């Protein structure tokens, strides 16, 4: 049997100047159109079926 291979996990941060500059840029580029569409759909369902929506979440037995 041979020796076990050495595995190096690359989870550490590099302390270079480039990393700190690029770190916040990705957050401003997130596309939220899908989330906005989903929230609009939920709002539409609540407007038309609000009573049914609330009844489905009322716990049985007064709990």
PDB file of N, CA and C in Angstrom:
ATOM      1  N   UNK A   1       0.842  -1.180   0.000  1.00  0.00           N
ATOM      2  CA  UNK A   1       0.000   0.000   0.000  1.00  0.00           C
ATOM      3  C   UNK A   1       0.885   1.240   0.000  1.00  0.00           C
ATOM      4  N   UNK A   2       0.477   2.266  -0.678  1.00  0.00           N
ATOM      5  CA  UNK A   2       1.258   3.492  -0.760  1.00  0.00           C
ATOM      6  C   UNK A   2       0.910   4.437   0.370  1.00  0.00           C
ATOM      7  N   UNK A   3       1.601   5.514   0.409  1.00  0.00           N
ATOM      8  CA  UNK A   3       1.304   6.514   1.433  1.00  0.00           C
ATOM      9  C   UNK A   3       0.058   7.298   1.030  1.00  0.00           C
ATOM     10  N   UNK A   4      -0.597   7.872   2.012  1.00  0.00           N
ATOM     11  CA  UNK A   4      -1.806   8.650   1.748  1.00  0.00           C
ATOM     12  C   UNK A   4      -1.442   9.939   1.027  1.00  0.00           C
ATOM     13  N   UNK A   5      -2.235  10.327   0.030  1.00  0.00           N
ATOM     14  CA  UNK A   5      -1.946  11.586  -0.662  1.00  0.00           C
ATOM     15  C   UNK A   5      -2.249  12.777   0.244  1.00  0.00           C
ATOM     16  N   UNK A   6      -1.495  13.824   0.082  1.00  0.00           N
ATOM     17  CA  UNK A   6      -1.710  15.040   0.859  1.00  0.00           C
ATOM     18  C   UNK A   6      -2.717  15.908   0.123  1.00  0.00           C
ATOM     19  N   UNK A   7      -3.738  16.350   0.841  1.00  0.00           N
ATOM     20  CA  UNK A   7      -4.771  17.199   0.254  1.00  0.00           C
ATOM     21  C   UNK A   7      -4.664  18.571   0.896  1.00  0.00           C
ATOM     22  N   UNK A   8      -4.552  19.593   0.062  1.00  0.00           N
ATOM     23  CA  UNK A   8      -4.480  20.969   0.551  1.00  0.00           C
ATOM     24  C   UNK A   8      -5.790  21.670   0.204  1.00  0.00           C
ATOM     25  N   UNK A   9      -6.542  22.080   1.216  1.00  0.00           N
ATOM     26  CA  UNK A   9      -7.792  22.800   0.987  1.00  0.00           C
ATOM     27  C   UNK A   9      -7.484  24.285   0.873  1.00  0.00           C
ATOM     28  N   UNK A  10      -8.050  24.928  -0.110  1.00  0.00           N
ATOM     29  CA  UNK A  10      -7.763  26.348  -0.344  1.00  0.00           C
ATOM     30  C   UNK A  10      -8.830  27.256   0.210  1.00  0.00           C
ATOM     31  N   UNK A  11      -9.123  27.179   1.481  1.00  0.00           N
ATOM     32  CA  UNK A  11     -10.186  27.994   2.054  1.00  0.00           C
ATOM     33  C   UNK A  11      -9.728  29.306   2.636  1.00  0.00           C
ATOM     34  N   UNK A  12      -8.424  29.545   2.680  1.00  0.00           N
ATOM     35  CA  UNK A  12      -7.918  30.768   3.304  1.00  0.00           C
ATOM     36  C   UNK A  12      -8.047  31.969   2.392  1.00  0.00           C
ATOM     37  N   UNK A  13      -7.948  33.156   2.970  1.00  0.00           N
ATOM     38  CA  UNK A  13      -8.018  34.393   2.199  1.00  0.00           C
ATOM     39  C   UNK A  13      -6.627  34.867   1.867  1.00  0.00           C
ATOM     40  N   UNK A  14      -6.471  35.397   0.708  1.00  0.00           N
ATOM     41  CA  UNK A  14      -5.235  36.039   0.315  1.00  0.00           C
ATOM     42  C   UNK A  14      -5.288  37.459   0.851  1.00  0.00           C
ATOM     43  N   UNK A  15      -4.207  37.982   1.307  1.00  0.00           N
ATOM     44  CA  UNK A  15      -4.209  39.328   1.873  1.00  0.00           C
ATOM     45  C   UNK A  15      -3.698  40.356   0.876  1.00  0.00           C
ATOM     46  N   UNK A  16      -3.890  40.086  -0.411  1.00  0.00           N
ATOM     47  CA  UNK A  16      -3.460  41.020  -1.444  1.00  0.00           C
ATOM     48  C   UNK A  16      -4.415  42.194  -1.548  1.00  0.00           C
ATOM     49  N   UNK A  17      -3.950  43.300  -2.113  1.00  0.00           N
ATOM     50  CA  UNK A  17      -4.773  44.502  -2.245  1.00  0.00           C
ATOM     51  C   UNK A  17      -5.924  44.299  -3.215  1.00  0.00           C
ATOM     52  N   UNK A  18      -5.754  43.473  -4.236  1.00  0.00           N
ATOM     53  CA  UNK A  18      -6.799  43.262  -5.239  1.00  0.00           C
ATOM     54  C   UNK A  18      -8.053  42.632  -4.647  1.00  0.00           C
ATOM     55  N   UNK A  19      -7.912  41.756  -3.674  1.00  0.00           N
ATOM     56  CA  UNK A  19      -9.065  41.090  -3.072  1.00  0.00           C
ATOM     57  C   UNK A  19      -9.965  42.073  -2.350  1.00  0.00           C
ATOM     58  N   UNK A  20      -9.404  43.024  -1.640  1.00  0.00           N
ATOM     59  CA  UNK A  20     -10.225  43.958  -0.870  1.00  0.00           C
ATOM     60  C   UNK A  20     -10.960  44.916  -1.791  1.00  0.00           C
ATOM     61  N   UNK A  21     -10.387  45.237  -2.939  1.00  0.00           N
ATOM     62  CA  UNK A  21     -11.043  46.142  -3.876  1.00  0.00           C
ATOM     63  C   UNK A  21     -12.226  45.457  -4.538  1.00  0.00           C
ATOM     64  N   UNK A  22     -12.072  44.192  -4.932  1.00  0.00           N
ATOM     65  CA  UNK A  22     -13.111  43.472  -5.663  1.00  0.00           C
ATOM     66  C   UNK A  22     -14.180  42.878  -4.763  1.00  0.00           C
ATOM     67  N   UNK A  23     -13.967  42.860  -3.475  1.00  0.00           N
ATOM     68  CA  UNK A  23     -14.886  42.176  -2.564  1.00  0.00           C
ATOM     69  C   UNK A  23     -16.291  42.767  -2.599  1.00  0.00           C
ATOM     70  N   UNK A  24     -16.472  44.051  -2.552  1.00  0.00           N
ATOM     71  CA  UNK A  24     -17.788  44.669  -2.516  1.00  0.00           C
ATOM     72  C   UNK A  24     -18.432  44.826  -3.874  1.00  0.00           C
ATOM     73  N   UNK A  25     -17.682  44.714  -4.939  1.00  0.00           N
ATOM     74  CA  UNK A  25     -18.209  44.936  -6.279  1.00  0.00           C
ATOM     75  C   UNK A  25     -19.258  43.898  -6.642  1.00  0.00           C
ATOM     76  N   UNK A  26     -19.051  42.636  -6.300  1.00  0.00           N
ATOM     77  CA  UNK A  26     -19.986  41.569  -6.642  1.00  0.00           C
ATOM     78  C   UNK A  26     -21.355  41.760  -6.025  1.00  0.00           C
ATOM     79  N   UNK A  27     -21.412  42.332  -4.859  1.00  0.00           N
ATOM     80  CA  UNK A  27     -22.686  42.530  -4.184  1.00  0.00           C
ATOM     81  C   UNK A  27     -23.572  43.523  -4.930  1.00  0.00           C
ATOM     82  N   UNK A  28     -23.004  44.516  -5.564  1.00  0.00           N
ATOM     83  CA  UNK A  28     -23.811  45.512  -6.257  1.00  0.00           C
ATOM     84  C   UNK A  28     -24.292  45.018  -7.620  1.00  0.00           C
ATOM     85  N   UNK A  29     -23.762  43.910  -8.109  1.00  0.00           N
ATOM     86  CA  UNK A  29     -24.119  43.406  -9.424  1.00  0.00           C
ATOM     87  C   UNK A  29     -25.157  42.291  -9.387  1.00  0.00           C
ATOM     88  N   UNK A  30     -25.734  42.006  -8.238  1.00  0.00           N
ATOM     89  CA  UNK A  30     -26.718  40.936  -8.122  1.00  0.00           C
ATOM     90  C   UNK A  30     -27.998  41.338  -8.851  1.00  0.00           C
ATOM     91  N   UNK A  31     -28.495  40.445  -9.687  1.00  0.00           N
ATOM     92  CA  UNK A  31     -29.721  40.685 -10.443  1.00  0.00           C
ATOM     93  C   UNK A  31     -30.917  40.317  -9.571  1.00  0.00           C
ATOM     94  N   UNK A  32     -31.773  41.292  -9.272  1.00  0.00           N
ATOM     95  CA  UNK A  32     -32.914  41.054  -8.387  1.00  0.00           C
ATOM     96  C   UNK A  32     -34.238  40.992  -9.145  1.00  0.00           C
ATOM     97  N   UNK A  33     -34.191  40.950 -10.461  1.00  0.00           N
ATOM     98  CA  UNK A  33     -35.444  40.920 -11.225  1.00  0.00           C
ATOM     99  C   UNK A  33     -36.258  39.670 -10.914  1.00  0.00           C
ATOM    100  N   UNK A  34     -35.631  38.526 -10.764  1.00  0.00           N
ATOM    101  CA  UNK A  34     -36.346  37.293 -10.448  1.00  0.00           C
ATOM    102  C   UNK A  34     -37.024  37.377  -9.097  1.00  0.00           C
ATOM    103  N   UNK A  35     -36.346  37.950  -8.121  1.00  0.00           N
ATOM    104  CA  UNK A  35     -36.916  38.104  -6.784  1.00  0.00           C
ATOM    105  C   UNK A  35     -38.080  39.077  -6.811  1.00  0.00           C
ATOM    106  N   UNK A  36     -37.924  40.187  -7.521  1.00  0.00           N
ATOM    107  CA  UNK A  36     -39.006  41.161  -7.624  1.00  0.00           C
ATOM    108  C   UNK A  36     -40.234  40.549  -8.287  1.00  0.00           C
ATOM    109  N   UNK A  37     -40.024  39.752  -9.322  1.00  0.00           N
ATOM    110  CA  UNK A  37     -41.149  39.094  -9.998  1.00  0.00           C
ATOM    111  C   UNK A  37     -41.865  38.131  -9.060  1.00  0.00           C
ATOM    112  N   UNK A  38     -41.102  37.387  -8.272  1.00  0.00           N
ATOM    113  CA  UNK A  38     -41.690  36.446  -7.321  1.00  0.00           C
ATOM    114  C   UNK A  38     -42.504  37.186  -6.262  1.00  0.00           C
ATOM    115  N   UNK A  39     -41.961  38.277  -5.740  1.00  0.00           N
ATOM    116  CA  UNK A  39     -42.693  39.057  -4.739  1.00  0.00           C
ATOM    117  C   UNK A  39     -43.959  39.669  -5.329  1.00  0.00           C
ATOM    118  N   UNK A  40     -43.903  40.119  -6.574  1.00  0.00           N
ATOM    119  CA  UNK A  40     -45.102  40.644  -7.235  1.00  0.00           C
ATOM    120  C   UNK A  40     -46.162  39.562  -7.384  1.00  0.00           C
ATOM    121  N   UNK A  41     -45.741  38.343  -7.705  1.00  0.00           N
ATOM    122  CA  UNK A  41     -46.686  37.233  -7.833  1.00  0.00           C
ATOM    123  C   UNK A  41     -47.335  36.917  -6.489  1.00  0.00           C
ATOM    124  N   UNK A  42     -46.552  36.919  -5.421  1.00  0.00           N
ATOM    125  CA  UNK A  42     -47.086  36.665  -4.079  1.00  0.00           C
ATOM    126  C   UNK A  42     -48.071  37.756  -3.693  1.00  0.00           C
ATOM    127  N   UNK A  43     -47.730  39.018  -3.973  1.00  0.00           N
ATOM    128  CA  UNK A  43     -48.646  40.121  -3.680  1.00  0.00           C
ATOM    129  C   UNK A  43     -49.968  39.956  -4.422  1.00  0.00           C
ATOM    130  N   UNK A  44     -49.903  39.541  -5.682  1.00  0.00           N
ATOM    131  CA  UNK A  44     -51.118  39.333  -6.464  1.00  0.00           C
ATOM    132  C   UNK A  44     -51.985  38.234  -5.885  1.00  0.00           C
ATOM    133  N   UNK A  45     -51.358  37.142  -5.446  1.00  0.00           N
ATOM    134  CA  UNK A  45     -52.115  36.050  -4.834  1.00  0.00           C
ATOM    135  C   UNK A  45     -52.748  36.488  -3.525  1.00  0.00           C
ATOM    136  N   UNK A  46     -52.023  37.260  -2.738  1.00  0.00           N
ATOM    137  CA  UNK A  46     -52.576  37.718  -1.464  1.00  0.00           C
ATOM    138  C   UNK A  46     -53.738  38.681  -1.677  1.00  0.00           C
ATOM    139  N   UNK A  47     -53.668  39.509  -2.705  1.00  0.00           N
ATOM    140  CA  UNK A  47     -54.762  40.435  -2.983  1.00  0.00           C
ATOM    141  C   UNK A  47     -56.034  39.691  -3.365  1.00  0.00           C
ATOM    142  N   UNK A  48     -55.906  38.610  -4.119  1.00  0.00           N
ATOM    143  CA  UNK A  48     -57.094  37.901  -4.579  1.00  0.00           C
ATOM    144  C   UNK A  48     -57.551  36.818  -3.611  1.00  0.00           C
ATOM    145  N   UNK A  49     -56.660  36.231  -2.829  1.00  0.00           N
ATOM    146  CA  UNK A  49     -57.009  35.117  -1.951  1.00  0.00           C
ATOM    147  C   UNK A  49     -56.514  35.331  -0.522  1.00  0.00           C
ATOM    148  N   UNK A  50     -56.582  36.540  -0.018  1.00  0.00           N
ATOM    149  CA  UNK A  50     -56.018  36.832   1.303  1.00  0.00           C
ATOM    150  C   UNK A  50     -56.694  36.011   2.399  1.00  0.00           C
ATOM    151  N   UNK A  51     -58.016  35.924   2.356  1.00  0.00           N
ATOM    152  CA  UNK A  51     -58.738  35.188   3.402  1.00  0.00           C
ATOM    153  C   UNK A  51     -58.363  33.705   3.379  1.00  0.00           C
ATOM    154  N   UNK A  52     -58.313  33.117   2.203  1.00  0.00           N
ATOM    155  CA  UNK A  52     -57.933  31.705   2.078  1.00  0.00           C
ATOM    156  C   UNK A  52     -56.484  31.494   2.526  1.00  0.00           C
ATOM    157  N   UNK A  53     -55.620  32.429   2.203  1.00  0.00           N
ATOM    158  CA  UNK A  53     -54.216  32.344   2.600  1.00  0.00           C
ATOM    159  C   UNK A  53     -54.085  32.338   4.117  1.00  0.00           C
ATOM    160  N   UNK A  54     -54.816  33.226   4.790  1.00  0.00           N
ATOM    161  CA  UNK A  54     -54.752  33.302   6.254  1.00  0.00           C
ATOM    162  C   UNK A  54     -55.335  32.042   6.873  1.00  0.00           C
ATOM    163  N   UNK A  55     -56.441  31.561   6.353  1.00  0.00           N
ATOM    164  CA  UNK A  55     -57.061  30.346   6.903  1.00  0.00           C
ATOM    165  C   UNK A  55     -56.129  29.139   6.792  1.00  0.00           C
ATOM    166  N   UNK A  56     -55.348  29.068   5.741  1.00  0.00           N
ATOM    167  CA  UNK A  56     -54.449  27.931   5.569  1.00  0.00           C
ATOM    168  C   UNK A  56     -53.318  27.941   6.587  1.00  0.00           C
ATOM    169  N   UNK A  57     -53.054  29.088   7.193  1.00  0.00           N
ATOM    170  CA  UNK A  57     -51.980  29.171   8.185  1.00  0.00           C
ATOM    171  C   UNK A  57     -52.487  29.245   9.616  1.00  0.00           C
ATOM    172  N   UNK A  58     -53.805  29.245   9.820  1.00  0.00           N
ATOM    173  CA  UNK A  58     -54.352  29.228  11.172  1.00  0.00           C
ATOM    174  C   UNK A  58     -54.153  27.834  11.740  1.00  0.00           C
ATOM    175  N   UNK A  59     -53.586  27.762  12.924  1.00  0.00           N
ATOM    176  CA  UNK A  59     -53.312  26.459  13.527  1.00  0.00           C
ATOM    177  C   UNK A  59     -54.592  25.852  14.075  1.00  0.00           C
ATOM    178  N   UNK A  60     -54.694  24.557  13.974  1.00  0.00           N
ATOM    179  CA  UNK A  60     -55.866  23.824  14.455  1.00  0.00           C
ATOM    180  C   UNK A  60     -55.839  23.736  15.977  1.00  0.00           C
ATOM    181  N   UNK A  61     -56.980  23.724  16.604  1.00  0.00           N
ATOM    182  CA  UNK A  61     -57.089  23.537  18.047  1.00  0.00           C
ATOM    183  C   UNK A  61     -56.732  24.765  18.861  1.00  0.00           C
ATOM    184  N   UNK A  62     -56.707  25.932  18.251  1.00  0.00           N
ATOM    185  CA  UNK A  62     -56.443  27.157  18.989  1.00  0.00           C
ATOM    186  C   UNK A  62     -55.006  27.317  19.444  1.00  0.00           C
ATOM    187  N   UNK A  63     -54.116  26.597  18.844  1.00  0.00           N
ATOM    188  CA  UNK A  63     -52.704  26.699  19.251  1.00  0.00           C
ATOM    189  C   UNK A  63     -52.017  27.835  18.546  1.00  0.00           C
TER     190      UNK A  63
END
